[in-house]
Amino acid sequence: MTGGAHEHDDESLAELGYKPELKRTLGNFHTFAAGISYISILTGTFQLFYFGVSQGGPAYWWSWPMVFFGQLMVALCFCELAARYPVAGSIYNWAKQLGGPHVGWLGGWMMLTASMVSLSAVALAYQVTLPQISSWFQFIGDGTGQTDAAANAVLLGTVLVAFTTLVNAFGVKLMARINSAGVAIELIAAIVLIILLAAHVTRGPGALTETFGLGAGQDLGYLGAFLTASLASAYVMYGFDTASSLGEESKDPGRNAPRAILRALVASFAIGGLILLFALLAVPDLHAKELSVDGLQYVVLSTLGSTVGQIVLWCVVVAITVCELAVHTASIRLAYAMARDNNLPAAARLAKVSPRFQTPVLPAVIIGLVAVAILLINVNQPQIFSVITSIAIIMIYLAYLLVTLPMLVQRLRGGWRPVEGRFSLGRFGLPVNVLAVLWGAGMSLNLAWPRAAVYNATGPQHWYLRWGAFLFIGVVALGGFAYYWFVQRKRTGVLATHAAGSTDSTTPHP
């Protein structure tokens, strides 16, 4: 790309008060890959299929299109924002532009906290897959001890976090190459898996109406069971905003980021939906206990055989790896964006861009260390960790709501105008935005509802676990906002070395 084109890309950045510091090297596929690897269909479906089937039976499949439609409304709003503000830490900056500095800080704080917990949660997925490939990966004990699996998960997860920390510290180009290669492998594997499962179908689509009598005796009947099972879909289909969070490192982000967001979400919906569909139609025994315990891993191994199954599981390991890489990358860009506004402790150091690697190195290291610390909770308290993981996803949905709700307010006041010649919803903007807000609020409540199956799955029962979402999020939100109100807001403002017009030596040249 020419220097003139780079200058055009940086105009919107200057309007926000920032100078360009991150090197623009990412093309269309790189930004698409960032979004789709964060969603990571193979990671999410293989990690959560068992929960969906155990809570809602095969009919839980219908939650997949339901969640897609709701998230599509959110994504369409994000596309307009990505066209207008293609900037690092997208959620934080969008919330700040639409709702003011207080809303921006709260959205960024919620997203950053959730992202670090998500980094730990994704790392635990290694334990779900690697020991099924070979017992060699069960380094701690033989897997039968009370804490063998949890301790081994921490070990494997720590290795993965260390890898993503190093890759992110060495620059966005290396990250993008590894991520794009991993996504290519994941997409090919997913399509091959769909074809192989489709070739082994043993029942008709009528199986998708099977509820196994779940929900009987409950106040809401099967609807209650279905809403619980829908968490298996809601836990997967988010993170598409990552495509725009790399806006300061992308070429022509105002045009490419909206496309990348939509392509990542639509491709994930189509591929994931077909995998889940054919898995339910191909599994030898729809009532097998293993289906609700080992999930898709059981379906693949029992349907395709051990050799093909293990190849697929290795591709799942690749998917988990690039998913972790994308989550770490997005977290770093968010921390950098907040630090650049002097909105984090030690902001000047966190916002410093390495002249050699042209990436914020310190946030990569600190976020990695925090993720490992959170992982350690899992050794003796796996139930508490599962609660925290669920809460992290709710916080991401709430962070999205802190963008779509202020955007709706701006629309109703006539204060929102899409960029001419870029992505625009036109006359559909208002109804889409209303649906995005209703969806975000409704699903956040559904995710947080104090169900024993989610927040206290095994005994003994504790009220603070059942109500963990409301308690934890309340503490994070109220505590964080109090910190901002009494301490941080007096310091907020673009650091001089990062402000537009600054001639600091870290500014990259085209």
Foldseek 3Di string as FASTA:
>chain_A
DDQVLLVVLCPLVQVVFFFQQFAADDEQLLLLLLLQLLLLLLLLQQVQQLVLCVLFNLLLLVLLVVLLVLVVLLLLVLLLQLLRRLEALSLLVLLCVLPNNLLSLLLLLLLLVLLLLVLLVLLLSCLLFVVVLDQVLQPAPSPPDPQSSLVSSLVSSLVLLVVLLVQQLQADVSLSVLSSVLSVLLLVLLVVLLVLLLVQFDDDLVSSVDRVQRQPPPPVRSVLSSLSSSVSNLLRQDRLQLSSNCSSRHRSSSASSSVSSVVSSVSSSVSSSSNSSSLCRRQPDSPDPCCSPSNPLNSLCRRVHSPSSSVSSVSSVSSSSSSSSSSLNSSLSSLLVCLQQVNDPVSVLSVDADLNRSGRSVSSVVSSVSSSVLSVCSRVCVLVSLLSSLLSSLSNLVSSLSNLVSVLVCVVVVNDDRDPPHSDPPPCSNVSSVSNNVSSVVSSCSSQQQDCVRQPVDDDDDPCSSNVNVVVVVCSSVVSSVCCVPPVVVPGGRDPCGTPPHPDPSHDRD
